[in-house]
Amino acid sequence: MRFTGNIDAKLDDKGRVFVPSSFRKILQREESQGLILRRDVFQKCLVLFPKEVWDEQVDAITARTSMFDRQGRDALRRFVAGAENVAMDSGGRILIPRRYLEEADIKSDVRFIGVDNTIEIWQKQAAENLSANPENLADNLENMMRDPQQPNNL
């Protein structure tokens, strides 16, 4: 399951928003068993996880800790406690709880961004600020993809 692209949308007064149809089609094709929403660990945005992807993430954290690892258990607890099951209604909308909207500074306009096997939900202006400096992206990709065996001047 892989989501790509970015689509703007608007929240209604109750905090509901349409999941973009291109993302809904992927979820339906993959027969996703549900959706989990939580605030991103690093950015001020929300992340929508297909249930299967969420389970993989929790399993990965769980595999790296034990019940006697205080720091690991705290990280697992906080990661899981910050999440909530959400469901799409028959029209393809999800209800984003108010606390998540406040945590991500979302008022009305949102941008859905497909990021690999998750869907990020950003306050629209914050998402636009991400692409304000394309040189940063080039630098980051260059550093990530640099072969540690090759000298920097190649």
C-alpha atoms as a PDB file:
ATOM      1  CA  MET A   1       0.000   0.000   0.000  1.00  0.00           C
ATOM      2  CA  ARG A   2       1.540   3.277  -1.079  1.00  0.00           C
ATOM      3  CA  PHE A   3      -0.027   6.740  -1.065  1.00  0.00           C
ATOM      4  CA  THR A   4       1.360   9.584  -3.173  1.00  0.00           C
ATOM      5  CA  GLY A   5       0.340  13.117  -3.971  1.00  0.00           C
ATOM      6  CA  ASN A   6      -1.214  15.970  -2.078  1.00  0.00           C
ATOM      7  CA  ILE A   7      -4.812  17.104  -2.112  1.00  0.00           C
ATOM      8  CA  ASP A   8      -6.433  20.101  -0.444  1.00  0.00           C
ATOM      9  CA  ALA A   9      -9.720  19.768   1.416  1.00  0.00           C
ATOM     10  CA  LYS A  10     -11.913  21.664   3.869  1.00  0.00           C
ATOM     11  CA  LEU A  11     -13.226  20.657   7.254  1.00  0.00           C
ATOM     12  CA  ASP A  12     -16.902  21.123   7.922  1.00  0.00           C
ATOM     13  CA  ASP A  13     -18.170  22.718  11.158  1.00  0.00           C
ATOM     14  CA  LYS A  14     -18.213  19.354  12.928  1.00  0.00           C
ATOM     15  CA  GLY A  15     -14.591  18.524  12.089  1.00  0.00           C
ATOM     16  CA  ARG A  16     -15.369  16.117   9.260  1.00  0.00           C
ATOM     17  CA  VAL A  17     -13.342  16.009   6.076  1.00  0.00           C
ATOM     18  CA  PHE A  18     -13.508  13.943   2.898  1.00  0.00           C
ATOM     19  CA  VAL A  19     -10.595  11.553   2.493  1.00  0.00           C
ATOM     20  CA  PRO A  20      -9.400  12.181  -1.077  1.00  0.00           C
ATOM     21  CA  SER A  21     -10.904   9.697  -3.517  1.00  0.00           C
ATOM     22  CA  SER A  22      -7.483   8.577  -4.784  1.00  0.00           C
ATOM     23  CA  PHE A  23      -6.544   7.566  -1.231  1.00  0.00           C
ATOM     24  CA  ARG A  24      -9.951   5.967  -0.589  1.00  0.00           C
ATOM     25  CA  LYS A  25      -9.514   3.827  -3.714  1.00  0.00           C
ATOM     26  CA  ILE A  26      -6.181   2.511  -2.428  1.00  0.00           C
ATOM     27  CA  LEU A  27      -7.702   1.710   0.960  1.00  0.00           C
ATOM     28  CA  GLN A  28     -10.611  -0.101  -0.699  1.00  0.00           C
ATOM     29  CA  ARG A  29      -8.388  -1.983  -3.133  1.00  0.00           C
ATOM     30  CA  GLU A  30      -6.162  -3.140  -0.289  1.00  0.00           C
ATOM     31  CA  GLU A  31      -9.238  -3.994   1.809  1.00  0.00           C
ATOM     32  CA  SER A  32      -7.955  -1.989   4.750  1.00  0.00           C
ATOM     33  CA  GLN A  33      -9.418  -3.098   8.068  1.00  0.00           C
ATOM     34  CA  GLY A  34      -9.785   0.408   9.481  1.00  0.00           C
ATOM     35  CA  LEU A  35      -7.926   3.641  10.165  1.00  0.00           C
ATOM     36  CA  ILE A  36      -5.907   4.934  13.102  1.00  0.00           C
ATOM     37  CA  LEU A  37      -5.229   8.654  13.620  1.00  0.00           C
ATOM     38  CA  ARG A  38      -2.499  10.204  15.754  1.00  0.00           C
ATOM     39  CA  ARG A  39      -0.345  13.291  15.829  1.00  0.00           C
ATOM     40  CA  ASP A  40       2.965  12.857  14.038  1.00  0.00           C
ATOM     41  CA  VAL A  41       5.925  12.199  16.309  1.00  0.00           C
ATOM     42  CA  PHE A  42       8.145  14.827  14.642  1.00  0.00           C
ATOM     43  CA  GLN A  43       5.924  17.319  12.804  1.00  0.00           C
ATOM     44  CA  LYS A  44       2.854  19.370  13.709  1.00  0.00           C
ATOM     45  CA  CYS A  45       0.524  17.309  11.541  1.00  0.00           C
ATOM     46  CA  LEU A  46      -1.745  14.279  11.858  1.00  0.00           C
ATOM     47  CA  VAL A  47      -1.033  10.843  10.456  1.00  0.00           C
ATOM     48  CA  LEU A  48      -3.724   8.503   9.213  1.00  0.00           C
ATOM     49  CA  PHE A  49      -2.559   4.888   9.374  1.00  0.00           C
ATOM     50  CA  PRO A  50      -4.344   2.000   7.692  1.00  0.00           C
ATOM     51  CA  LYS A  51      -4.938  -0.470  10.548  1.00  0.00           C
ATOM     52  CA  GLU A  52      -2.472  -2.980   9.097  1.00  0.00           C
ATOM     53  CA  VAL A  53       0.288  -0.374   8.909  1.00  0.00           C
ATOM     54  CA  TRP A  54      -0.472   0.787  12.456  1.00  0.00           C
ATOM     55  CA  ASP A  55      -0.194  -2.785  13.717  1.00  0.00           C
ATOM     56  CA  GLU A  56       3.210  -3.127  12.008  1.00  0.00           C
ATOM     57  CA  GLN A  57       4.428   0.081  13.673  1.00  0.00           C
ATOM     58  CA  VAL A  58       3.266  -1.002  17.126  1.00  0.00           C
ATOM     59  CA  ASP A  59       4.802  -4.449  16.586  1.00  0.00           C
ATOM     60  CA  ALA A  60       8.124  -2.838  15.612  1.00  0.00           C
ATOM     61  CA  ILE A  61       8.181  -0.729  18.784  1.00  0.00           C
ATOM     62  CA  THR A  62       7.106  -3.661  20.928  1.00  0.00           C
ATOM     63  CA  ALA A  63       9.865  -5.847  19.471  1.00  0.00           C
ATOM     64  CA  ARG A  64      12.473  -3.322  20.608  1.00  0.00           C
ATOM     65  CA  THR A  65      11.393  -3.202  24.249  1.00  0.00           C
ATOM     66  CA  SER A  66      10.378  -5.401  27.128  1.00  0.00           C
ATOM     67  CA  MET A  67       8.109  -4.920  30.110  1.00  0.00           C
ATOM     68  CA  PHE A  68      11.245  -4.195  32.175  1.00  0.00           C
ATOM     69  CA  ASP A  69      12.509  -1.433  29.872  1.00  0.00           C
ATOM     70  CA  ARG A  70      11.110   1.722  31.476  1.00  0.00           C
ATOM     71  CA  GLN A  71      12.056   4.078  28.629  1.00  0.00           C
ATOM     72  CA  GLY A  72      10.860   1.702  25.913  1.00  0.00           C
ATOM     73  CA  ARG A  73       7.556   1.013  27.685  1.00  0.00           C
ATOM     74  CA  ASP A  74       7.006   4.736  28.170  1.00  0.00           C
ATOM     75  CA  ALA A  75       7.601   5.370  24.462  1.00  0.00           C
ATOM     76  CA  LEU A  76       5.237   2.554  23.497  1.00  0.00           C
ATOM     77  CA  ARG A  77       2.598   3.750  25.959  1.00  0.00           C
ATOM     78  CA  ARG A  78       2.752   7.339  24.744  1.00  0.00           C
ATOM     79  CA  PHE A  79       2.756   6.313  21.084  1.00  0.00           C
ATOM     80  CA  VAL A  80      -0.323   4.097  21.481  1.00  0.00           C
ATOM     81  CA  ALA A  81      -2.143   6.423  23.904  1.00  0.00           C
ATOM     82  CA  GLY A  82      -1.901   9.244  21.366  1.00  0.00           C
ATOM     83  CA  ALA A  83      -3.894   7.287  18.777  1.00  0.00           C
ATOM     84  CA  GLU A  84      -7.555   6.806  18.043  1.00  0.00           C
ATOM     85  CA  ASN A  85      -9.612   4.627  15.733  1.00  0.00           C
ATOM     86  CA  VAL A  86     -11.472   6.631  13.103  1.00  0.00           C
ATOM     87  CA  ALA A  87     -13.955   5.378  10.544  1.00  0.00           C
ATOM     88  CA  MET A  88     -14.971   6.632   7.148  1.00  0.00           C
ATOM     89  CA  ASP A  89     -18.674   7.222   6.784  1.00  0.00           C
ATOM     90  CA  SER A  90     -20.582   6.123   3.683  1.00  0.00           C
ATOM     91  CA  GLY A  91     -19.631   9.390   1.973  1.00  0.00           C
ATOM     92  CA  GLY A  92     -15.898   8.911   2.526  1.00  0.00           C
ATOM     93  CA  ARG A  93     -15.535  11.397   5.382  1.00  0.00           C
ATOM     94  CA  ILE A  94     -13.704  10.994   8.658  1.00  0.00           C
ATOM     95  CA  LEU A  95     -14.380  12.901  11.848  1.00  0.00           C
ATOM     96  CA  ILE A  96     -11.201  14.402  13.270  1.00  0.00           C
ATOM     97  CA  PRO A  97     -11.558  14.843  17.034  1.00  0.00           C
ATOM     98  CA  ARG A  98     -11.126  18.419  18.278  1.00  0.00           C
ATOM     99  CA  ARG A  99      -8.024  17.641  20.329  1.00  0.00           C
ATOM    100  CA  TYR A 100      -6.213  16.467  17.188  1.00  0.00           C
ATOM    101  CA  LEU A 101      -7.294  19.553  15.262  1.00  0.00           C
ATOM    102  CA  GLU A 102      -5.917  21.724  18.053  1.00  0.00           C
ATOM    103  CA  GLU A 103      -2.643  19.769  18.263  1.00  0.00           C
ATOM    104  CA  ALA A 104      -2.055  20.232  14.521  1.00  0.00           C
ATOM    105  CA  ASP A 105      -3.343  23.838  14.458  1.00  0.00           C
ATOM    106  CA  ILE A 106      -5.992  22.888  11.903  1.00  0.00           C
ATOM    107  CA  LYS A 107      -8.929  25.269  11.578  1.00  0.00           C
ATOM    108  CA  SER A 108     -10.519  24.744   8.179  1.00  0.00           C
ATOM    109  CA  ASP A 109      -8.221  24.222   5.210  1.00  0.00           C
ATOM    110  CA  VAL A 110      -6.202  21.009   5.203  1.00  0.00           C
ATOM    111  CA  ARG A 111      -3.804  19.273   2.887  1.00  0.00           C
ATOM    112  CA  PHE A 112      -3.627  15.506   2.647  1.00  0.00           C
ATOM    113  CA  ILE A 113      -0.150  14.270   1.738  1.00  0.00           C
ATOM    114  CA  GLY A 114       0.473  10.657   0.805  1.00  0.00           C
ATOM    115  CA  VAL A 115       3.706   9.519   2.450  1.00  0.00           C
ATOM    116  CA  ASP A 116       4.522   5.915   1.621  1.00  0.00           C
ATOM    117  CA  ASN A 117       2.009   3.772   3.535  1.00  0.00           C
ATOM    118  CA  THR A 118       0.448   6.591   5.577  1.00  0.00           C
ATOM    119  CA  ILE A 119      -1.545   9.736   4.897  1.00  0.00           C
ATOM    120  CA  GLU A 120      -0.536  12.975   6.591  1.00  0.00           C
ATOM    121  CA  ILE A 121      -3.096  15.678   7.301  1.00  0.00           C
ATOM    122  CA  TRP A 122      -1.616  19.170   7.535  1.00  0.00           C
ATOM    123  CA  GLN A 123      -2.902  22.637   8.180  1.00  0.00           C
ATOM    124  CA  LYS A 124      -2.761  23.925   4.589  1.00  0.00           C
ATOM    125  CA  GLN A 125      -0.378  26.846   5.169  1.00  0.00           C
ATOM    126  CA  ALA A 126       2.014  24.666   7.181  1.00  0.00           C
ATOM    127  CA  ALA A 127       2.067  22.176   4.288  1.00  0.00           C
ATOM    128  CA  GLU A 128       2.819  24.964   1.825  1.00  0.00           C
ATOM    129  CA  ASN A 129       5.717  26.079   4.017  1.00  0.00           C
ATOM    130  CA  LEU A 130       7.249  22.598   3.633  1.00  0.00           C
ATOM    131  CA  SER A 131       7.955  23.225  -0.026  1.00  0.00           C
ATOM    132  CA  ALA A 132       8.978  26.865   0.359  1.00  0.00           C
ATOM    133  CA  ASN A 133      12.688  26.066   0.116  1.00  0.00           C
ATOM    134  CA  PRO A 134      13.355  23.365  -2.518  1.00  0.00           C
ATOM    135  CA  GLU A 135      17.113  23.556  -1.915  1.00  0.00           C
ATOM    136  CA  ASN A 136      16.586  21.959   1.515  1.00  0.00           C
ATOM    137  CA  LEU A 137      14.942  18.953  -0.129  1.00  0.00           C
ATOM    138  CA  ALA A 138      17.828  18.578  -2.561  1.00  0.00           C
ATOM    139  CA  ASP A 139      20.378  18.819   0.255  1.00  0.00           C
ATOM    140  CA  ASN A 140      18.499  16.337   2.443  1.00  0.00           C
ATOM    141  CA  LEU A 141      18.130  13.808  -0.369  1.00  0.00           C
ATOM    142  CA  GLU A 142      21.750  14.197  -1.357  1.00  0.00           C
ATOM    143  CA  ASN A 143      22.871  13.503   2.214  1.00  0.00           C
ATOM    144  CA  MET A 144      20.507  10.557   2.609  1.00  0.00           C
ATOM    145  CA  MET A 145      21.467   8.918  -0.655  1.00  0.00           C
ATOM    146  CA  ARG A 146      25.203   9.537  -0.497  1.00  0.00           C
ATOM    147  CA  ASP A 147      27.115   6.279  -0.542  1.00  0.00           C
ATOM    148  CA  PRO A 148      29.274   6.244   2.603  1.00  0.00           C
ATOM    149  CA  GLN A 149      31.938   4.348   0.601  1.00  0.00           C
ATOM    150  CA  GLN A 150      32.323   7.157  -1.927  1.00  0.00           C
ATOM    151  CA  PRO A 151      34.360  10.310  -1.261  1.00  0.00           C
ATOM    152  CA  ASN A 152      32.252  13.472  -0.993  1.00  0.00           C
ATOM    153  CA  ASN A 153      33.790  15.010  -4.108  1.00  0.00           C
ATOM    154  CA  LEU A 154      32.358  12.430  -6.530  1.00  0.00           C
END
